[in-house]
Structure formats: structure tokens, C-alpha cells
């Protein structure tokens, strides 16, 4: 599967807009591997999604990067109530430096 990752995206609304534009431009995206999943309540997910540049305690400096196959290693952050998902690649930082919507 491929995802359309954006760098230093402010919030979920900006991520949705950037994704919409990339899909319209027929961008292929980048292959990725989910290394773990973080489940959040709707309230926690909304708080997280309102500021994607905020440091997160569940992002480790070792999260992110690429695997041997060149796929982006990322965390799947999932809203337990709605099923909405954001892929996060911290790329050595404590905040979601690269983010993407996981599209079905």
C-alpha cells in the first residue's frame, strides 16, 4: 500500500486538503510499513489531530525512517470510535514530522 505523506502538517484539516490535492494530481504516494498502532478515544484523537506539530509521549526517536525495502516505517494512529486513521513518521523527532491519511 502507498500513502501520501506530508512534512510538518499543522492539523488534520490541512492534511485532508493536501491529500485531496495530491489525489487530484494523481500522485502515487510512498510505500509504507506500519510498525505499531496507537488506539485513541474520539476526544484524544481530536486533540491530537488539532495540533500535529505537538510532541507526543508515544512517539520514540527510533520510530520512523525506512525499512530494508525502502518503505516508510510509521505508526498508525486510530480513532477507536470512528475508525479514522493517521499514519505518523516521527523521523527521529518526538512529533509527527511526516503524516498521511491511511486511505482504504
PDB file of N, CA and C in Angstrom:
ATOM      1  N   UNK A   1       0.842  -1.187   0.000  1.00  0.00           N
ATOM      2  CA  UNK A   1       0.000   0.000   0.000  1.00  0.00           C
ATOM      3  C   UNK A   1       0.883   1.245   0.000  1.00  0.00           C
ATOM      4  N   UNK A   2       0.350   2.300  -0.570  1.00  0.00           N
ATOM      5  CA  UNK A   2       1.054   3.578  -0.628  1.00  0.00           C
ATOM      6  C   UNK A   2       0.272   4.630   0.141  1.00  0.00           C
ATOM      7  N   UNK A   3       0.996   5.634   0.650  1.00  0.00           N
ATOM      8  CA  UNK A   3       0.367   6.752   1.346  1.00  0.00           C
ATOM      9  C   UNK A   3       1.008   8.048   0.870  1.00  0.00           C
ATOM     10  N   UNK A   4       0.259   9.115   0.975  1.00  0.00           N
ATOM     11  CA  UNK A   4       0.711  10.436   0.556  1.00  0.00           C
ATOM     12  C   UNK A   4       1.141  11.216   1.800  1.00  0.00           C
ATOM     13  N   UNK A   5       2.422  11.154   2.132  1.00  0.00           N
ATOM     14  CA  UNK A   5       2.941  11.790   3.336  1.00  0.00           C
ATOM     15  C   UNK A   5       3.235  13.264   3.101  1.00  0.00           C
ATOM     16  N   UNK A   6       2.876  14.079   4.092  1.00  0.00           N
ATOM     17  CA  UNK A   6       3.192  15.498   4.082  1.00  0.00           C
ATOM     18  C   UNK A   6       4.137  15.807   5.231  1.00  0.00           C
ATOM     19  N   UNK A   7       5.007  16.780   5.039  1.00  0.00           N
ATOM     20  CA  UNK A   7       6.002  17.149   6.054  1.00  0.00           C
ATOM     21  C   UNK A   7       5.513  18.364   6.843  1.00  0.00           C
ATOM     22  N   UNK A   8       5.585  18.249   8.157  1.00  0.00           N
ATOM     23  CA  UNK A   8       5.220  19.322   9.084  1.00  0.00           C
ATOM     24  C   UNK A   8       3.827  19.876   8.810  1.00  0.00           C
ATOM     25  N   UNK A   9       2.862  18.996   8.717  1.00  0.00           N
ATOM     26  CA  UNK A   9       1.462  19.379   8.504  1.00  0.00           C
ATOM     27  C   UNK A   9       0.888  19.840   9.848  1.00  0.00           C
ATOM     28  N   UNK A  10       0.213  20.962   9.859  1.00  0.00           N
ATOM     29  CA  UNK A  10      -0.275  21.567  11.109  1.00  0.00           C
ATOM     30  C   UNK A  10      -1.375  20.774  11.802  1.00  0.00           C
ATOM     31  N   UNK A  11      -2.388  20.367  11.025  1.00  0.00           N
ATOM     32  CA  UNK A  11      -3.542  19.719  11.649  1.00  0.00           C
ATOM     33  C   UNK A  11      -4.240  18.811  10.639  1.00  0.00           C
ATOM     34  N   UNK A  12      -5.255  18.125  11.106  1.00  0.00           N
ATOM     35  CA  UNK A  12      -5.965  17.162  10.267  1.00  0.00           C
ATOM     36  C   UNK A  12      -6.618  17.819   9.067  1.00  0.00           C
ATOM     37  N   UNK A  13      -7.159  19.001   9.231  1.00  0.00           N
ATOM     38  CA  UNK A  13      -7.806  19.686   8.104  1.00  0.00           C
ATOM     39  C   UNK A  13      -6.805  19.976   6.987  1.00  0.00           C
ATOM     40  N   UNK A  14      -5.613  20.441   7.355  1.00  0.00           N
ATOM     41  CA  UNK A  14      -4.586  20.689   6.344  1.00  0.00           C
ATOM     42  C   UNK A  14      -4.169  19.372   5.683  1.00  0.00           C
ATOM     43  N   UNK A  15      -4.052  18.309   6.462  1.00  0.00           N
ATOM     44  CA  UNK A  15      -3.679  17.000   5.921  1.00  0.00           C
ATOM     45  C   UNK A  15      -4.731  16.516   4.925  1.00  0.00           C
ATOM     46  N   UNK A  16      -5.987  16.698   5.245  1.00  0.00           N
ATOM     47  CA  UNK A  16      -7.055  16.292   4.328  1.00  0.00           C
ATOM     48  C   UNK A  16      -6.985  17.094   3.022  1.00  0.00           C
ATOM     49  N   UNK A  17      -6.735  18.386   3.129  1.00  0.00           N
ATOM     50  CA  UNK A  17      -6.660  19.235   1.936  1.00  0.00           C
ATOM     51  C   UNK A  17      -5.460  18.850   1.076  1.00  0.00           C
ATOM     52  N   UNK A  18      -4.310  18.648   1.705  1.00  0.00           N
ATOM     53  CA  UNK A  18      -3.116  18.246   0.950  1.00  0.00           C
ATOM     54  C   UNK A  18      -3.310  16.889   0.277  1.00  0.00           C
ATOM     55  N   UNK A  19      -3.970  15.981   0.965  1.00  0.00           N
ATOM     56  CA  UNK A  19      -4.241  14.651   0.403  1.00  0.00           C
ATOM     57  C   UNK A  19      -5.178  14.756  -0.790  1.00  0.00           C
ATOM     58  N   UNK A  20      -6.214  15.575  -0.656  1.00  0.00           N
ATOM     59  CA  UNK A  20      -7.171  15.778  -1.750  1.00  0.00           C
ATOM     60  C   UNK A  20      -6.463  16.318  -2.985  1.00  0.00           C
ATOM     61  N   UNK A  21      -5.586  17.311  -2.787  1.00  0.00           N
ATOM     62  CA  UNK A  21      -4.842  17.888  -3.904  1.00  0.00           C
ATOM     63  C   UNK A  21      -3.909  16.856  -4.545  1.00  0.00           C
ATOM     64  N   UNK A  22      -3.241  16.059  -3.729  1.00  0.00           N
ATOM     65  CA  UNK A  22      -2.312  15.047  -4.258  1.00  0.00           C
ATOM     66  C   UNK A  22      -3.054  13.977  -5.048  1.00  0.00           C
ATOM     67  N   UNK A  23      -4.229  13.589  -4.579  1.00  0.00           N
ATOM     68  CA  UNK A  23      -5.046  12.603  -5.303  1.00  0.00           C
ATOM     69  C   UNK A  23      -5.493  13.183  -6.640  1.00  0.00           C
ATOM     70  N   UNK A  24      -5.923  14.441  -6.638  1.00  0.00           N
ATOM     71  CA  UNK A  24      -6.338  15.096  -7.881  1.00  0.00           C
ATOM     72  C   UNK A  24      -5.180  15.197  -8.875  1.00  0.00           C
ATOM     73  N   UNK A  25      -3.962  15.377  -8.345  1.00  0.00           N
ATOM     74  CA  UNK A  25      -2.775  15.456  -9.201  1.00  0.00           C
ATOM     75  C   UNK A  25      -2.239  14.075  -9.566  1.00  0.00           C
ATOM     76  N   UNK A  26      -2.963  13.039  -9.138  1.00  0.00           N
ATOM     77  CA  UNK A  26      -2.627  11.642  -9.419  1.00  0.00           C
ATOM     78  C   UNK A  26      -1.245  11.243  -8.900  1.00  0.00           C
ATOM     79  N   UNK A  27      -0.880  11.760  -7.732  1.00  0.00           N
ATOM     80  CA  UNK A  27       0.368  11.363  -7.091  1.00  0.00           C
ATOM     81  C   UNK A  27       0.240   9.909  -6.627  1.00  0.00           C
ATOM     82  N   UNK A  28       1.318   9.165  -6.749  1.00  0.00           N
ATOM     83  CA  UNK A  28       1.290   7.744  -6.403  1.00  0.00           C
ATOM     84  C   UNK A  28       1.473   7.484  -4.927  1.00  0.00           C
ATOM     85  N   UNK A  29       2.149   8.329  -4.236  1.00  0.00           N
ATOM     86  CA  UNK A  29       2.421   8.102  -2.833  1.00  0.00           C
ATOM     87  C   UNK A  29       3.650   7.230  -2.631  1.00  0.00           C
ATOM     88  N   UNK A  30       3.905   6.898  -1.383  1.00  0.00           N
ATOM     89  CA  UNK A  30       5.085   6.148  -0.990  1.00  0.00           C
ATOM     90  C   UNK A  30       4.670   4.874  -0.265  1.00  0.00           C
ATOM     91  N   UNK A  31       5.320   3.754  -0.554  1.00  0.00           N
ATOM     92  CA  UNK A  31       5.018   2.524   0.180  1.00  0.00           C
ATOM     93  C   UNK A  31       5.380   2.687   1.658  1.00  0.00           C
ATOM     94  N   UNK A  32       4.606   2.036   2.525  1.00  0.00           N
ATOM     95  CA  UNK A  32       4.857   2.161   3.958  1.00  0.00           C
ATOM     96  C   UNK A  32       4.635   0.839   4.681  1.00  0.00           C
ATOM     97  N   UNK A  33       5.203   0.770   5.872  1.00  0.00           N
ATOM     98  CA  UNK A  33       5.038  -0.364   6.771  1.00  0.00           C
ATOM     99  C   UNK A  33       4.576   0.182   8.116  1.00  0.00           C
ATOM    100  N   UNK A  34       3.497  -0.370   8.663  1.00  0.00           N
ATOM    101  CA  UNK A  34       3.020   0.025   9.984  1.00  0.00           C
ATOM    102  C   UNK A  34       3.777  -0.809  11.017  1.00  0.00           C
ATOM    103  N   UNK A  35       4.503  -0.122  11.911  1.00  0.00           N
ATOM    104  CA  UNK A  35       5.299  -0.821  12.914  1.00  0.00           C
ATOM    105  C   UNK A  35       4.527  -1.048  14.206  1.00  0.00           C
ATOM    106  N   UNK A  36       3.542  -0.196  14.457  1.00  0.00           N
ATOM    107  CA  UNK A  36       2.651  -0.390  15.614  1.00  0.00           C
ATOM    108  C   UNK A  36       1.434   0.508  15.460  1.00  0.00           C
ATOM    109  N   UNK A  37       0.451   0.263  16.332  1.00  0.00           N
ATOM    110  CA  UNK A  37      -0.793   1.022  16.261  1.00  0.00           C
ATOM    111  C   UNK A  37      -1.087   1.644  17.620  1.00  0.00           C
ATOM    112  N   UNK A  38      -1.537   2.887  17.601  1.00  0.00           N
ATOM    113  CA  UNK A  38      -1.960   3.591  18.799  1.00  0.00           C
ATOM    114  C   UNK A  38      -3.452   3.851  18.662  1.00  0.00           C
ATOM    115  N   UNK A  39      -4.235   3.285  19.589  1.00  0.00           N
ATOM    116  CA  UNK A  39      -5.691   3.493  19.585  1.00  0.00           C
ATOM    117  C   UNK A  39      -6.032   4.645  20.527  1.00  0.00           C
ATOM    118  N   UNK A  40      -6.886   5.547  20.068  1.00  0.00           N
ATOM    119  CA  UNK A  40      -7.289   6.696  20.876  1.00  0.00           C
ATOM    120  C   UNK A  40      -8.799   6.817  20.909  1.00  0.00           C
ATOM    121  N   UNK A  41      -9.301   7.351  22.017  1.00  0.00           N
ATOM    122  CA  UNK A  41     -10.717   7.709  22.079  1.00  0.00           C
ATOM    123  C   UNK A  41     -10.946   8.852  21.099  1.00  0.00           C
ATOM    124  N   UNK A  42     -12.200   9.117  20.803  1.00  0.00           N
ATOM    125  CA  UNK A  42     -12.510  10.205  19.869  1.00  0.00           C
ATOM    126  C   UNK A  42     -11.958  11.523  20.384  1.00  0.00           C
ATOM    127  N   UNK A  43     -12.125  11.803  21.679  1.00  0.00           N
ATOM    128  CA  UNK A  43     -11.649  13.071  22.248  1.00  0.00           C
ATOM    129  C   UNK A  43     -10.129  13.181  22.147  1.00  0.00           C
ATOM    130  N   UNK A  44      -9.414  12.129  22.471  1.00  0.00           N
ATOM    131  CA  UNK A  44      -7.948  12.142  22.403  1.00  0.00           C
ATOM    132  C   UNK A  44      -7.474  12.286  20.953  1.00  0.00           C
ATOM    133  N   UNK A  45      -8.141  11.594  20.043  1.00  0.00           N
ATOM    134  CA  UNK A  45      -7.764  11.674  18.634  1.00  0.00           C
ATOM    135  C   UNK A  45      -7.975  13.088  18.114  1.00  0.00           C
ATOM    136  N   UNK A  46      -9.102  13.699  18.459  1.00  0.00           N
ATOM    137  CA  UNK A  46      -9.389  15.075  18.000  1.00  0.00           C
ATOM    138  C   UNK A  46      -8.347  16.054  18.550  1.00  0.00           C
ATOM    139  N   UNK A  47      -7.980  15.882  19.817  1.00  0.00           N
ATOM    140  CA  UNK A  47      -6.958  16.749  20.413  1.00  0.00           C
ATOM    141  C   UNK A  47      -5.621  16.577  19.681  1.00  0.00           C
ATOM    142  N   UNK A  48      -5.242  15.326  19.418  1.00  0.00           N
ATOM    143  CA  UNK A  48      -4.021  15.037  18.669  1.00  0.00           C
ATOM    144  C   UNK A  48      -4.085  15.667  17.274  1.00  0.00           C
ATOM    145  N   UNK A  49      -5.209  15.494  16.585  1.00  0.00           N
ATOM    146  CA  UNK A  49      -5.365  15.948  15.203  1.00  0.00           C
ATOM    147  C   UNK A  49      -5.427  17.470  15.066  1.00  0.00           C
ATOM    148  N   UNK A  50      -5.726  18.184  16.138  1.00  0.00           N
ATOM    149  CA  UNK A  50      -5.789  19.642  16.099  1.00  0.00           C
ATOM    150  C   UNK A  50      -4.408  20.288  16.083  1.00  0.00           C
ATOM    151  N   UNK A  51      -3.367  19.533  16.513  1.00  0.00           N
ATOM    152  CA  UNK A  51      -2.003  20.073  16.523  1.00  0.00           C
ATOM    153  C   UNK A  51      -1.022  18.934  16.244  1.00  0.00           C
ATOM    154  N   UNK A  52      -0.787  18.661  14.969  1.00  0.00           N
ATOM    155  CA  UNK A  52       0.093  17.568  14.577  1.00  0.00           C
ATOM    156  C   UNK A  52       1.571  17.902  14.764  1.00  0.00           C
ATOM    157  N   UNK A  53       1.884  19.130  15.161  1.00  0.00           N
ATOM    158  CA  UNK A  53       3.275  19.514  15.387  1.00  0.00           C
ATOM    159  C   UNK A  53       3.664  19.443  16.866  1.00  0.00           C
ATOM    160  N   UNK A  54       2.749  19.000  17.698  1.00  0.00           N
ATOM    161  CA  UNK A  54       2.988  18.893  19.139  1.00  0.00           C
ATOM    162  C   UNK A  54       3.734  17.593  19.453  1.00  0.00           C
ATOM    163  N   UNK A  55       4.719  17.673  20.366  1.00  0.00           N
ATOM    164  CA  UNK A  55       5.423  16.470  20.817  1.00  0.00           C
ATOM    165  C   UNK A  55       4.428  15.491  21.428  1.00  0.00           C
ATOM    166  N   UNK A  56       4.657  14.201  21.173  1.00  0.00           N
ATOM    167  CA  UNK A  56       3.790  13.141  21.690  1.00  0.00           C
ATOM    168  C   UNK A  56       4.637  12.128  22.466  1.00  0.00           C
ATOM    169  N   UNK A  57       4.202  11.770  23.660  1.00  0.00           N
ATOM    170  CA  UNK A  57       4.971  10.844  24.504  1.00  0.00           C
ATOM    171  C   UNK A  57       5.066   9.451  23.892  1.00  0.00           C
ATOM    172  N   UNK A  58       4.140   9.081  23.023  1.00  0.00           N
ATOM    173  CA  UNK A  58       4.135   7.741  22.438  1.00  0.00           C
ATOM    174  C   UNK A  58       4.984   7.644  21.160  1.00  0.00           C
ATOM    175  N   UNK A  59       5.575   8.758  20.737  1.00  0.00           N
ATOM    176  CA  UNK A  59       6.500   8.716  19.593  1.00  0.00           C
ATOM    177  C   UNK A  59       7.916   8.640  20.146  1.00  0.00           C
ATOM    178  N   UNK A  60       8.636   7.612  19.749  1.00  0.00           N
ATOM    179  CA  UNK A  60      10.012   7.420  20.172  1.00  0.00           C
ATOM    180  C   UNK A  60      10.948   7.931  19.081  1.00  0.00           C
ATOM    181  N   UNK A  61      12.119   8.378  19.460  1.00  0.00           N
ATOM    182  CA  UNK A  61      13.081   8.878  18.473  1.00  0.00           C
ATOM    183  C   UNK A  61      13.473   7.806  17.459  1.00  0.00           C
ATOM    184  N   UNK A  62      13.291   6.522  17.804  1.00  0.00           N
ATOM    185  CA  UNK A  62      13.597   5.426  16.889  1.00  0.00           C
ATOM    186  C   UNK A  62      12.467   5.099  15.928  1.00  0.00           C
ATOM    187  N   UNK A  63      11.319   5.727  16.114  1.00  0.00           N
ATOM    188  CA  UNK A  63      10.193   5.493  15.206  1.00  0.00           C
ATOM    189  C   UNK A  63      10.440   6.219  13.889  1.00  0.00           C
ATOM    190  N   UNK A  64      10.004   5.610  12.823  1.00  0.00           N
ATOM    191  CA  UNK A  64      10.107   6.268  11.520  1.00  0.00           C
ATOM    192  C   UNK A  64      11.262   5.739  10.702  1.00  0.00           C
ATOM    193  N   UNK A  65      11.673   6.536   9.748  1.00  0.00           N
ATOM    194  CA  UNK A  65      12.723   6.110   8.838  1.00  0.00           C
ATOM    195  C   UNK A  65      12.164   5.161   7.792  1.00  0.00           C
ATOM    196  N   UNK A  66      13.049   4.366   7.213  1.00  0.00           N
ATOM    197  CA  UNK A  66      12.622   3.398   6.200  1.00  0.00           C
ATOM    198  C   UNK A  66      13.149   2.016   6.561  1.00  0.00           C
ATOM    199  N   UNK A  67      12.487   0.995   6.036  1.00  0.00           N
ATOM    200  CA  UNK A  67      12.927  -0.377   6.249  1.00  0.00           C
ATOM    201  C   UNK A  67      13.842  -0.801   5.099  1.00  0.00           C
ATOM    202  N   UNK A  68      14.254  -2.053   5.099  1.00  0.00           N
ATOM    203  CA  UNK A  68      15.177  -2.555   4.066  1.00  0.00           C
ATOM    204  C   UNK A  68      14.596  -2.500   2.653  1.00  0.00           C
ATOM    205  N   UNK A  69      13.272  -2.499   2.567  1.00  0.00           N
ATOM    206  CA  UNK A  69      12.611  -2.455   1.262  1.00  0.00           C
ATOM    207  C   UNK A  69      12.348  -1.029   0.784  1.00  0.00           C
ATOM    208  N   UNK A  70      12.794  -0.039   1.546  1.00  0.00           N
ATOM    209  CA  UNK A  70      12.573   1.356   1.170  1.00  0.00           C
ATOM    210  C   UNK A  70      11.191   1.878   1.549  1.00  0.00           C
ATOM    211  N   UNK A  71      10.443   1.106   2.339  1.00  0.00           N
ATOM    212  CA  UNK A  71       9.111   1.542   2.781  1.00  0.00           C
ATOM    213  C   UNK A  71       9.253   2.429   4.018  1.00  0.00           C
ATOM    214  N   UNK A  72       8.408   3.441   4.108  1.00  0.00           N
ATOM    215  CA  UNK A  72       8.408   4.313   5.275  1.00  0.00           C
ATOM    216  C   UNK A  72       7.844   3.539   6.467  1.00  0.00           C
ATOM    217  N   UNK A  73       8.582   3.545   7.572  1.00  0.00           N
ATOM    218  CA  UNK A  73       8.129   2.912   8.813  1.00  0.00           C
ATOM    219  C   UNK A  73       7.287   3.936   9.559  1.00  0.00           C
ATOM    220  N   UNK A  74       6.070   3.560   9.937  1.00  0.00           N
ATOM    221  CA  UNK A  74       5.200   4.532  10.581  1.00  0.00           C
ATOM    222  C   UNK A  74       4.294   3.896  11.633  1.00  0.00           C
ATOM    223  N   UNK A  75       3.724   4.761  12.444  1.00  0.00           N
ATOM    224  CA  UNK A  75       2.752   4.387  13.472  1.00  0.00           C
ATOM    225  C   UNK A  75       1.369   4.700  12.919  1.00  0.00           C
ATOM    226  N   UNK A  76       0.446   3.765  13.078  1.00  0.00           N
ATOM    227  CA  UNK A  76      -0.951   4.020  12.705  1.00  0.00           C
ATOM    228  C   UNK A  76      -1.664   4.523  13.953  1.00  0.00           C
ATOM    229  N   UNK A  77      -2.178   5.749  13.897  1.00  0.00           N
ATOM    230  CA  UNK A  77      -2.949   6.323  14.985  1.00  0.00           C
ATOM    231  C   UNK A  77      -4.410   6.218  14.580  1.00  0.00           C
ATOM    232  N   UNK A  78      -5.181   5.505  15.391  1.00  0.00           N
ATOM    233  CA  UNK A  78      -6.558   5.191  15.001  1.00  0.00           C
ATOM    234  C   UNK A  78      -7.553   5.703  16.033  1.00  0.00           C
ATOM    235  N   UNK A  79      -8.586   6.353  15.524  1.00  0.00           N
ATOM    236  CA  UNK A  79      -9.707   6.776  16.358  1.00  0.00           C
ATOM    237  C   UNK A  79     -10.573   5.547  16.622  1.00  0.00           C
ATOM    238  N   UNK A  80     -10.588   5.126  17.859  1.00  0.00           N
ATOM    239  CA  UNK A  80     -11.316   3.914  18.245  1.00  0.00           C
ATOM    240  C   UNK A  80     -12.813   4.020  17.937  1.00  0.00           C
ATOM    241  N   UNK A  81     -13.364   5.226  17.993  1.00  0.00           N
ATOM    242  CA  UNK A  81     -14.803   5.407  17.812  1.00  0.00           C
ATOM    243  C   UNK A  81     -15.217   5.540  16.351  1.00  0.00           C
ATOM    244  N   UNK A  82     -14.401   6.237  15.535  1.00  0.00           N
ATOM    245  CA  UNK A  82     -14.797   6.491  14.146  1.00  0.00           C
ATOM    246  C   UNK A  82     -14.029   5.650  13.127  1.00  0.00           C
ATOM    247  N   UNK A  83     -12.887   5.084  13.540  1.00  0.00           N
ATOM    248  CA  UNK A  83     -12.073   4.311  12.613  1.00  0.00           C
ATOM    249  C   UNK A  83     -11.128   5.160  11.769  1.00  0.00           C
ATOM    250  N   UNK A  84     -11.182   6.476  11.930  1.00  0.00           N
ATOM    251  CA  UNK A  84     -10.300   7.366  11.184  1.00  0.00           C
ATOM    252  C   UNK A  84      -8.846   7.072  11.567  1.00  0.00           C
ATOM    253  N   UNK A  85      -7.924   7.150  10.563  1.00  0.00           N
ATOM    254  CA  UNK A  85      -6.534   6.785  10.800  1.00  0.00           C
ATOM    255  C   UNK A  85      -5.582   7.815  10.222  1.00  0.00           C
ATOM    256  N   UNK A  86      -4.529   8.088  10.988  1.00  0.00           N
ATOM    257  CA  UNK A  86      -3.437   8.939  10.529  1.00  0.00           C
ATOM    258  C   UNK A  86      -2.152   8.138  10.686  1.00  0.00           C
ATOM    259  N   UNK A  87      -1.335   8.131   9.653  1.00  0.00           N
ATOM    260  CA  UNK A  87      -0.025   7.491   9.708  1.00  0.00           C
ATOM    261  C   UNK A  87       0.999   8.537  10.135  1.00  0.00           C
ATOM    262  N   UNK A  88       1.880   8.149  11.063  1.00  0.00           N
ATOM    263  CA  UNK A  88       2.851   9.072  11.635  1.00  0.00           C
ATOM    264  C   UNK A  88       4.259   8.505  11.486  1.00  0.00           C
ATOM    265  N   UNK A  89       5.147   9.316  10.928  1.00  0.00           N
ATOM    266  CA  UNK A  89       6.571   9.005  10.860  1.00  0.00           C
ATOM    267  C   UNK A  89       7.290  10.136  11.579  1.00  0.00           C
ATOM    268  N   UNK A  90       7.810   9.843  12.786  1.00  0.00           N
ATOM    269  CA  UNK A  90       8.494  10.867  13.563  1.00  0.00           C
ATOM    270  C   UNK A  90       9.867  11.230  13.016  1.00  0.00           C
ATOM    271  N   UNK A  91      10.450  10.347  12.235  1.00  0.00           N
ATOM    272  CA  UNK A  91      11.753  10.577  11.594  1.00  0.00           C
ATOM    273  C   UNK A  91      12.787  11.103  12.594  1.00  0.00           C
ATOM    274  N   UNK A  92      12.809  10.479  13.791  1.00  0.00           N
ATOM    275  CA  UNK A  92      13.799  10.839  14.799  1.00  0.00           C
ATOM    276  C   UNK A  92      13.381  11.955  15.738  1.00  0.00           C
ATOM    277  N   UNK A  93      12.176  12.451  15.587  1.00  0.00           N
ATOM    278  CA  UNK A  93      11.664  13.521  16.441  1.00  0.00           C
ATOM    279  C   UNK A  93      10.532  12.973  17.316  1.00  0.00           C
ATOM    280  N   UNK A  94      10.107  13.792  18.289  1.00  0.00           N
ATOM    281  CA  UNK A  94       9.030  13.392  19.206  1.00  0.00           C
ATOM    282  C   UNK A  94       7.654  13.860  18.731  1.00  0.00           C
ATOM    283  N   UNK A  95       7.587  14.407  17.544  1.00  0.00           N
ATOM    284  CA  UNK A  95       6.303  14.851  16.999  1.00  0.00           C
ATOM    285  C   UNK A  95       6.108  14.207  15.619  1.00  0.00           C
ATOM    286  N   UNK A  96       4.884  14.219  15.109  1.00  0.00           N
ATOM    287  CA  UNK A  96       4.626  13.615  13.791  1.00  0.00           C
ATOM    288  C   UNK A  96       5.228  14.460  12.660  1.00  0.00           C
ATOM    289  N   UNK A  97       6.515  14.285  12.382  1.00  0.00           N
ATOM    290  CA  UNK A  97       7.190  15.087  11.359  1.00  0.00           C
ATOM    291  C   UNK A  97       6.583  14.867   9.981  1.00  0.00           C
ATOM    292  N   UNK A  98       6.236  13.632   9.674  1.00  0.00           N
ATOM    293  CA  UNK A  98       5.562  13.279   8.416  1.00  0.00           C
ATOM    294  C   UNK A  98       4.245  12.599   8.768  1.00  0.00           C
ATOM    295  N   UNK A  99       3.168  12.993   8.105  1.00  0.00           N
ATOM    296  CA  UNK A  99       1.854  12.399   8.367  1.00  0.00           C
ATOM    297  C   UNK A  99       1.152  12.102   7.048  1.00  0.00           C
ATOM    298  N   UNK A 100       0.264  11.132   7.109  1.00  0.00           N
ATOM    299  CA  UNK A 100      -0.548  10.766   5.941  1.00  0.00           C
ATOM    300  C   UNK A 100      -1.862  10.194   6.427  1.00  0.00           C
ATOM    301  N   UNK A 101      -2.883  10.325   5.606  1.00  0.00           N
ATOM    302  CA  UNK A 101      -4.138   9.637   5.863  1.00  0.00           C
ATOM    303  C   UNK A 101      -3.992   8.218   5.349  1.00  0.00           C
ATOM    304  N   UNK A 102      -4.483   7.268   6.108  1.00  0.00           N
ATOM    305  CA  UNK A 102      -4.480   5.894   5.594  1.00  0.00           C
ATOM    306  C   UNK A 102      -5.797   5.709   4.858  1.00  0.00           C
ATOM    307  N   UNK A 103      -5.708   5.664   3.551  1.00  0.00           N
ATOM    308  CA  UNK A 103      -6.884   5.541   2.705  1.00  0.00           C
ATOM    309  C   UNK A 103      -7.154   4.078   2.406  1.00  0.00           C
ATOM    310  N   UNK A 104      -8.404   3.717   2.363  1.00  0.00           N
ATOM    311  CA  UNK A 104      -8.788   2.323   2.075  1.00  0.00           C
ATOM    312  C   UNK A 104      -9.015   2.147   0.602  1.00  0.00           C
TER     313      UNK A 104
END
